[in-house]
Amino acid sequence: MFGRISQLSKCNTREINIANDKIYPTDTVRYLGAHLDTSLNFKDHIKLKCKTAMTNYSSISGKSIRNYLTLDAAQILVLALVVSHLDYCNSIQYGIADIDLLKLQGVQNMCAKLVHLRGQFDSAWD
């Protein structure tokens, strides 16, 4: 069930019976790769996508793998393994909180710095 907290608090359904199977409510559900929570604020979705993206980011940046890649190869690898996770289902994130948007932007900035061999405190766009 989805809705505002005030609406969900009015609902006292503990289970739904479908063909003698009991279905119990949960806080989040994964549907087609998107993690939907009861209030549809997508905080869990963004957290999990950033975690997956950062895991893949670490595999590229770790042990100086990036130093052996050309600029084009680095771009392709980062787009395929990192940015694709951030972009998946991004249309459902319209209107998310600024703090969550900054998390996604932070990962993208790190990717730009990795591709262009910039340091942690350098600008990604100079």
N, C-alpha and C. Protein backbone atom coordinates (compact mmCIF):
# COMPACT_ATOMS: atom_id res chain seq x y z
N MET A 1 0.84 -1.17 0.00
CA MET A 1 0.00 0.00 0.00
C MET A 1 0.88 1.24 0.00
N PHE A 2 0.47 2.22 -0.76
CA PHE A 2 1.22 3.46 -0.89
C PHE A 2 0.34 4.62 -0.44
N GLY A 3 0.96 5.64 0.10
CA GLY A 3 0.22 6.84 0.47
C GLY A 3 1.00 7.68 1.46
N ARG A 4 0.40 8.79 1.84
CA ARG A 4 1.00 9.63 2.86
C ARG A 4 0.91 8.93 4.21
N ILE A 5 1.79 9.33 5.12
CA ILE A 5 1.82 8.71 6.44
C ILE A 5 0.46 8.85 7.12
N SER A 6 -0.18 10.00 6.98
CA SER A 6 -1.48 10.21 7.61
C SER A 6 -2.54 9.27 7.03
N GLN A 7 -2.46 9.00 5.73
CA GLN A 7 -3.39 8.07 5.11
C GLN A 7 -3.11 6.63 5.51
N LEU A 8 -1.85 6.26 5.54
CA LEU A 8 -1.48 4.89 5.89
C LEU A 8 -1.80 4.57 7.34
N SER A 9 -1.75 5.58 8.21
CA SER A 9 -2.06 5.33 9.63
C SER A 9 -3.54 5.00 9.83
N LYS A 10 -4.40 5.42 8.91
CA LYS A 10 -5.83 5.11 8.99
C LYS A 10 -6.13 3.68 8.57
N CYS A 11 -5.23 3.09 7.83
CA CYS A 11 -5.43 1.73 7.32
C CYS A 11 -4.94 0.72 8.35
N ASN A 12 -5.79 -0.18 8.75
CA ASN A 12 -5.39 -1.17 9.75
C ASN A 12 -5.34 -2.58 9.17
N THR A 13 -5.14 -2.71 7.88
CA THR A 13 -5.06 -4.02 7.23
C THR A 13 -3.75 -4.70 7.60
N ARG A 14 -3.85 -5.85 8.16
CA ARG A 14 -2.66 -6.61 8.56
C ARG A 14 -2.23 -7.61 7.50
N GLU A 15 -3.20 -8.06 6.71
CA GLU A 15 -2.90 -9.03 5.66
C GLU A 15 -4.00 -8.99 4.61
N ILE A 16 -3.66 -9.46 3.43
CA ILE A 16 -4.62 -9.58 2.34
C ILE A 16 -4.62 -11.04 1.90
N ASN A 17 -5.77 -11.61 1.75
CA ASN A 17 -5.90 -13.01 1.33
C ASN A 17 -6.24 -13.07 -0.15
N ILE A 18 -5.40 -13.75 -0.91
CA ILE A 18 -5.64 -13.97 -2.33
C ILE A 18 -5.46 -15.46 -2.60
N ALA A 19 -6.54 -16.12 -2.99
CA ALA A 19 -6.52 -17.55 -3.29
C ALA A 19 -5.91 -18.35 -2.14
N ASN A 20 -6.35 -18.06 -0.95
CA ASN A 20 -5.91 -18.73 0.27
C ASN A 20 -4.43 -18.49 0.62
N ASP A 21 -3.82 -17.53 -0.04
CA ASP A 21 -2.45 -17.13 0.30
C ASP A 21 -2.52 -15.80 1.03
N LYS A 22 -1.79 -15.71 2.11
CA LYS A 22 -1.77 -14.47 2.87
C LYS A 22 -0.60 -13.60 2.41
N ILE A 23 -0.92 -12.35 2.13
CA ILE A 23 0.10 -11.38 1.72
C ILE A 23 0.17 -10.33 2.82
N TYR A 24 1.38 -10.15 3.36
CA TYR A 24 1.58 -9.22 4.46
C TYR A 24 2.22 -7.93 3.94
N PRO A 25 1.84 -6.80 4.51
CA PRO A 25 2.44 -5.52 4.08
C PRO A 25 3.93 -5.46 4.41
N THR A 26 4.65 -4.71 3.62
CA THR A 26 6.07 -4.51 3.84
C THR A 26 6.40 -3.04 3.59
N ASP A 27 7.52 -2.59 4.10
CA ASP A 27 7.90 -1.18 3.94
C ASP A 27 8.38 -0.86 2.54
N THR A 28 9.07 -1.80 1.90
CA THR A 28 9.57 -1.58 0.54
C THR A 28 9.33 -2.83 -0.29
N VAL A 29 9.23 -2.60 -1.58
CA VAL A 29 9.09 -3.70 -2.53
C VAL A 29 9.92 -3.36 -3.76
N ARG A 30 10.52 -4.37 -4.34
CA ARG A 30 11.30 -4.17 -5.56
C ARG A 30 10.44 -4.56 -6.74
N TYR A 31 10.25 -3.63 -7.66
CA TYR A 31 9.42 -3.87 -8.83
C TYR A 31 10.18 -3.39 -10.06
N LEU A 32 10.52 -4.30 -10.94
CA LEU A 32 11.26 -4.01 -12.17
C LEU A 32 12.55 -3.23 -11.88
N GLY A 33 13.21 -3.56 -10.78
CA GLY A 33 14.48 -2.92 -10.44
C GLY A 33 14.36 -1.64 -9.65
N ALA A 34 13.14 -1.16 -9.46
CA ALA A 34 12.94 0.06 -8.67
C ALA A 34 12.47 -0.36 -7.28
N HIS A 35 13.03 0.26 -6.28
CA HIS A 35 12.67 -0.03 -4.90
C HIS A 35 11.63 1.01 -4.46
N LEU A 36 10.41 0.54 -4.28
CA LEU A 36 9.30 1.43 -3.93
C LEU A 36 9.01 1.31 -2.44
N ASP A 37 8.91 2.44 -1.76
CA ASP A 37 8.55 2.42 -0.35
C ASP A 37 7.13 2.93 -0.20
N THR A 38 6.58 2.80 0.99
CA THR A 38 5.17 3.10 1.20
C THR A 38 4.83 4.57 0.94
N SER A 39 5.75 5.48 1.17
CA SER A 39 5.46 6.90 0.94
C SER A 39 5.96 7.40 -0.41
N LEU A 40 6.55 6.53 -1.20
CA LEU A 40 7.07 6.84 -2.54
C LEU A 40 8.04 8.02 -2.54
N ASN A 41 8.92 8.08 -1.52
CA ASN A 41 9.93 9.13 -1.52
C ASN A 41 11.25 8.65 -2.12
N PHE A 42 11.36 7.37 -2.41
CA PHE A 42 12.48 6.74 -3.12
C PHE A 42 13.82 6.84 -2.39
N LYS A 43 13.81 7.06 -1.09
CA LYS A 43 15.05 7.13 -0.32
C LYS A 43 15.78 5.79 -0.35
N ASP A 44 15.06 4.69 -0.18
CA ASP A 44 15.68 3.37 -0.22
C ASP A 44 16.22 3.07 -1.61
N HIS A 45 15.47 3.44 -2.64
CA HIS A 45 15.90 3.21 -4.01
C HIS A 45 17.22 3.94 -4.29
N ILE A 46 17.28 5.19 -3.90
CA ILE A 46 18.49 6.00 -4.13
C ILE A 46 19.65 5.45 -3.33
N LYS A 47 19.40 5.08 -2.09
CA LYS A 47 20.47 4.53 -1.25
C LYS A 47 21.04 3.25 -1.86
N LEU A 48 20.17 2.35 -2.31
CA LEU A 48 20.63 1.09 -2.89
C LEU A 48 21.32 1.28 -4.24
N LYS A 49 20.80 2.18 -5.05
CA LYS A 49 21.44 2.43 -6.35
C LYS A 49 22.80 3.09 -6.18
N CYS A 50 22.92 4.02 -5.23
CA CYS A 50 24.21 4.64 -4.96
C CYS A 50 25.20 3.62 -4.42
N LYS A 51 24.72 2.71 -3.59
CA LYS A 51 25.60 1.67 -3.03
C LYS A 51 26.13 0.76 -4.14
N THR A 52 25.26 0.34 -5.04
CA THR A 52 25.69 -0.50 -6.16
C THR A 52 26.65 0.26 -7.07
N ALA A 53 26.31 1.51 -7.36
CA ALA A 53 27.17 2.32 -8.22
C ALA A 53 28.55 2.50 -7.59
N MET A 54 28.60 2.74 -6.29
CA MET A 54 29.88 2.94 -5.61
C MET A 54 30.70 1.66 -5.54
N THR A 55 30.03 0.53 -5.44
CA THR A 55 30.76 -0.75 -5.47
C THR A 55 31.45 -0.92 -6.81
N ASN A 56 30.75 -0.63 -7.88
CA ASN A 56 31.35 -0.73 -9.21
C ASN A 56 32.40 0.35 -9.44
N TYR A 57 32.15 1.54 -8.91
CA TYR A 57 33.13 2.63 -8.99
C TYR A 57 34.44 2.20 -8.34
N SER A 58 34.33 1.59 -7.17
CA SER A 58 35.53 1.15 -6.43
C SER A 58 36.31 0.11 -7.21
N SER A 59 35.62 -0.75 -7.93
CA SER A 59 36.34 -1.77 -8.70
C SER A 59 37.12 -1.15 -9.87
N ILE A 60 36.65 -0.02 -10.37
CA ILE A 60 37.37 0.65 -11.46
C ILE A 60 38.51 1.50 -10.92
N SER A 61 38.24 2.21 -9.83
CA SER A 61 39.26 3.13 -9.30
C SER A 61 40.30 2.42 -8.44
N GLY A 62 39.94 1.30 -7.88
CA GLY A 62 40.85 0.58 -7.00
C GLY A 62 42.01 -0.04 -7.75
N LYS A 63 43.14 -0.14 -7.07
CA LYS A 63 44.35 -0.78 -7.60
C LYS A 63 44.81 -0.14 -8.91
N SER A 64 44.48 1.13 -9.11
CA SER A 64 44.94 1.91 -10.26
C SER A 64 44.56 1.31 -11.61
N ILE A 65 43.43 0.64 -11.68
CA ILE A 65 42.97 0.11 -12.96
C ILE A 65 42.77 1.25 -13.95
N ARG A 66 42.26 2.37 -13.46
CA ARG A 66 41.98 3.51 -14.32
C ARG A 66 43.23 4.00 -15.04
N ASN A 67 44.39 3.89 -14.40
CA ASN A 67 45.63 4.37 -15.01
C ASN A 67 45.99 3.61 -16.28
N TYR A 68 45.44 2.43 -16.46
CA TYR A 68 45.75 1.61 -17.63
C TYR A 68 44.72 1.76 -18.75
N LEU A 69 43.71 2.59 -18.52
CA LEU A 69 42.64 2.76 -19.50
C LEU A 69 42.80 4.07 -20.27
N THR A 70 42.42 4.04 -21.53
CA THR A 70 42.37 5.28 -22.29
C THR A 70 41.15 6.08 -21.81
N LEU A 71 41.08 7.33 -22.21
CA LEU A 71 39.94 8.16 -21.84
C LEU A 71 38.63 7.56 -22.34
N ASP A 72 38.62 7.11 -23.59
CA ASP A 72 37.40 6.51 -24.16
C ASP A 72 37.02 5.22 -23.43
N ALA A 73 38.00 4.39 -23.14
CA ALA A 73 37.71 3.13 -22.43
C ALA A 73 37.19 3.41 -21.02
N ALA A 74 37.76 4.40 -20.36
CA ALA A 74 37.30 4.77 -19.02
C ALA A 74 35.87 5.29 -19.06
N GLN A 75 35.56 6.11 -20.05
CA GLN A 75 34.19 6.63 -20.19
C GLN A 75 33.19 5.50 -20.39
N ILE A 76 33.51 4.59 -21.27
CA ILE A 76 32.61 3.47 -21.56
C ILE A 76 32.42 2.60 -20.32
N LEU A 77 33.50 2.31 -19.62
CA LEU A 77 33.43 1.47 -18.44
C LEU A 77 32.62 2.13 -17.32
N VAL A 78 32.85 3.40 -17.08
CA VAL A 78 32.12 4.12 -16.03
C VAL A 78 30.64 4.26 -16.39
N LEU A 79 30.35 4.55 -17.65
CA LEU A 79 28.94 4.65 -18.06
C LEU A 79 28.23 3.31 -17.93
N ALA A 80 28.90 2.25 -18.32
CA ALA A 80 28.27 0.93 -18.29
C ALA A 80 28.11 0.38 -16.88
N LEU A 81 29.12 0.57 -16.03
CA LEU A 81 29.10 -0.08 -14.72
C LEU A 81 28.63 0.80 -13.57
N VAL A 82 28.69 2.11 -13.73
CA VAL A 82 28.35 3.00 -12.61
C VAL A 82 27.13 3.86 -12.94
N VAL A 83 27.25 4.67 -13.96
CA VAL A 83 26.20 5.64 -14.27
C VAL A 83 24.90 4.94 -14.68
N SER A 84 25.00 3.77 -15.28
CA SER A 84 23.78 3.05 -15.68
C SER A 84 22.90 2.75 -14.48
N HIS A 85 23.49 2.50 -13.33
CA HIS A 85 22.71 2.25 -12.11
C HIS A 85 22.01 3.51 -11.63
N LEU A 86 22.65 4.64 -11.79
CA LEU A 86 22.05 5.90 -11.37
C LEU A 86 20.92 6.31 -12.32
N ASP A 87 21.08 5.99 -13.60
CA ASP A 87 20.10 6.40 -14.60
C ASP A 87 18.87 5.50 -14.66
N TYR A 88 19.01 4.27 -14.20
CA TYR A 88 17.89 3.33 -14.31
C TYR A 88 16.70 3.84 -13.48
N CYS A 89 15.56 3.92 -14.09
CA CYS A 89 14.31 4.39 -13.47
C CYS A 89 14.41 5.83 -12.98
N ASN A 90 15.24 6.63 -13.62
CA ASN A 90 15.40 8.00 -13.12
C ASN A 90 14.17 8.86 -13.35
N SER A 91 13.29 8.48 -14.25
CA SER A 91 12.08 9.27 -14.47
C SER A 91 11.12 9.21 -13.28
N ILE A 92 11.17 8.16 -12.50
CA ILE A 92 10.30 8.07 -11.33
C ILE A 92 10.81 8.92 -10.17
N GLN A 93 12.02 9.43 -10.30
CA GLN A 93 12.61 10.23 -9.23
C GLN A 93 12.31 11.71 -9.36
N TYR A 94 11.46 12.08 -10.28
CA TYR A 94 11.12 13.49 -10.48
C TYR A 94 10.54 14.05 -9.18
N GLY A 95 11.07 15.17 -8.74
CA GLY A 95 10.56 15.84 -7.54
C GLY A 95 11.11 15.30 -6.24
N ILE A 96 12.20 14.50 -6.29
CA ILE A 96 12.77 13.98 -5.05
C ILE A 96 13.39 15.12 -4.26
N ALA A 97 13.65 14.85 -2.99
CA ALA A 97 14.25 15.85 -2.11
C ALA A 97 15.65 16.23 -2.60
N ASP A 98 16.03 17.47 -2.36
CA ASP A 98 17.34 17.96 -2.80
C ASP A 98 18.48 17.15 -2.20
N ILE A 99 18.33 16.72 -0.97
CA ILE A 99 19.40 15.95 -0.31
C ILE A 99 19.64 14.63 -1.04
N ASP A 100 18.58 14.01 -1.54
CA ASP A 100 18.73 12.76 -2.30
C ASP A 100 19.31 13.03 -3.68
N LEU A 101 18.93 14.13 -4.27
CA LEU A 101 19.49 14.52 -5.56
C LEU A 101 20.99 14.77 -5.44
N LEU A 102 21.42 15.37 -4.32
CA LEU A 102 22.85 15.61 -4.11
C LEU A 102 23.64 14.32 -3.98
N LYS A 103 23.03 13.27 -3.44
CA LYS A 103 23.71 11.98 -3.35
C LYS A 103 24.01 11.44 -4.74
N LEU A 104 23.02 11.51 -5.61
CA LEU A 104 23.21 11.05 -6.98
C LEU A 104 24.24 11.91 -7.72
N GLN A 105 24.16 13.22 -7.51
CA GLN A 105 25.10 14.14 -8.16
C GLN A 105 26.52 13.90 -7.66
N GLY A 106 26.67 13.58 -6.39
CA GLY A 106 28.00 13.32 -5.84
C GLY A 106 28.66 12.13 -6.51
N VAL A 107 27.90 11.07 -6.74
CA VAL A 107 28.45 9.89 -7.42
C VAL A 107 28.82 10.24 -8.86
N GLN A 108 27.98 11.02 -9.53
CA GLN A 108 28.30 11.44 -10.90
C GLN A 108 29.57 12.29 -10.94
N ASN A 109 29.73 13.19 -9.99
CA ASN A 109 30.94 14.01 -9.94
C ASN A 109 32.18 13.15 -9.72
N MET A 110 32.07 12.15 -8.85
CA MET A 110 33.20 11.26 -8.62
C MET A 110 33.56 10.51 -9.91
N CYS A 111 32.56 10.12 -10.67
CA CYS A 111 32.80 9.42 -11.94
C CYS A 111 33.52 10.33 -12.93
N ALA A 112 33.10 11.58 -13.01
CA ALA A 112 33.75 12.52 -13.92
C ALA A 112 35.21 12.72 -13.53
N LYS A 113 35.48 12.80 -12.24
CA LYS A 113 36.87 12.96 -11.78
C LYS A 113 37.69 11.71 -12.08
N LEU A 114 37.08 10.56 -11.94
CA LEU A 114 37.78 9.31 -12.23
C LEU A 114 38.14 9.22 -13.71
N VAL A 115 37.19 9.52 -14.56
CA VAL A 115 37.43 9.44 -16.01
C VAL A 115 38.53 10.41 -16.43
N HIS A 116 38.53 11.61 -15.88
CA HIS A 116 39.49 12.65 -16.29
C HIS A 116 40.73 12.70 -15.38
N LEU A 117 40.90 11.68 -14.56
CA LEU A 117 42.07 11.55 -13.67
C LEU A 117 42.28 12.80 -12.80
N ARG A 118 41.22 13.29 -12.23
CA ARG A 118 41.30 14.43 -11.32
C ARG A 118 41.36 13.94 -9.89
N GLY A 119 41.92 14.77 -9.03
CA GLY A 119 42.02 14.44 -7.62
C GLY A 119 40.71 14.67 -6.89
N GLN A 120 40.66 14.21 -5.65
CA GLN A 120 39.44 14.30 -4.84
C GLN A 120 38.98 15.75 -4.67
N PHE A 121 39.90 16.67 -4.51
CA PHE A 121 39.54 18.05 -4.25
C PHE A 121 39.60 18.94 -5.49
N ASP A 122 39.87 18.36 -6.65
CA ASP A 122 39.85 19.10 -7.91
C ASP A 122 38.42 19.21 -8.41
N SER A 123 38.20 20.19 -9.26
CA SER A 123 36.89 20.33 -9.89
C SER A 123 36.75 19.27 -10.97
N ALA A 124 35.55 18.75 -11.11
CA ALA A 124 35.30 17.75 -12.14
C ALA A 124 35.16 18.38 -13.51
N TRP A 125 34.97 19.68 -13.59
CA TRP A 125 34.61 20.31 -14.85
C TRP A 125 35.62 21.30 -15.37
N ASP A 126 36.78 21.45 -14.77
CA ASP A 126 37.79 22.39 -15.28
C ASP A 126 38.53 21.83 -16.46
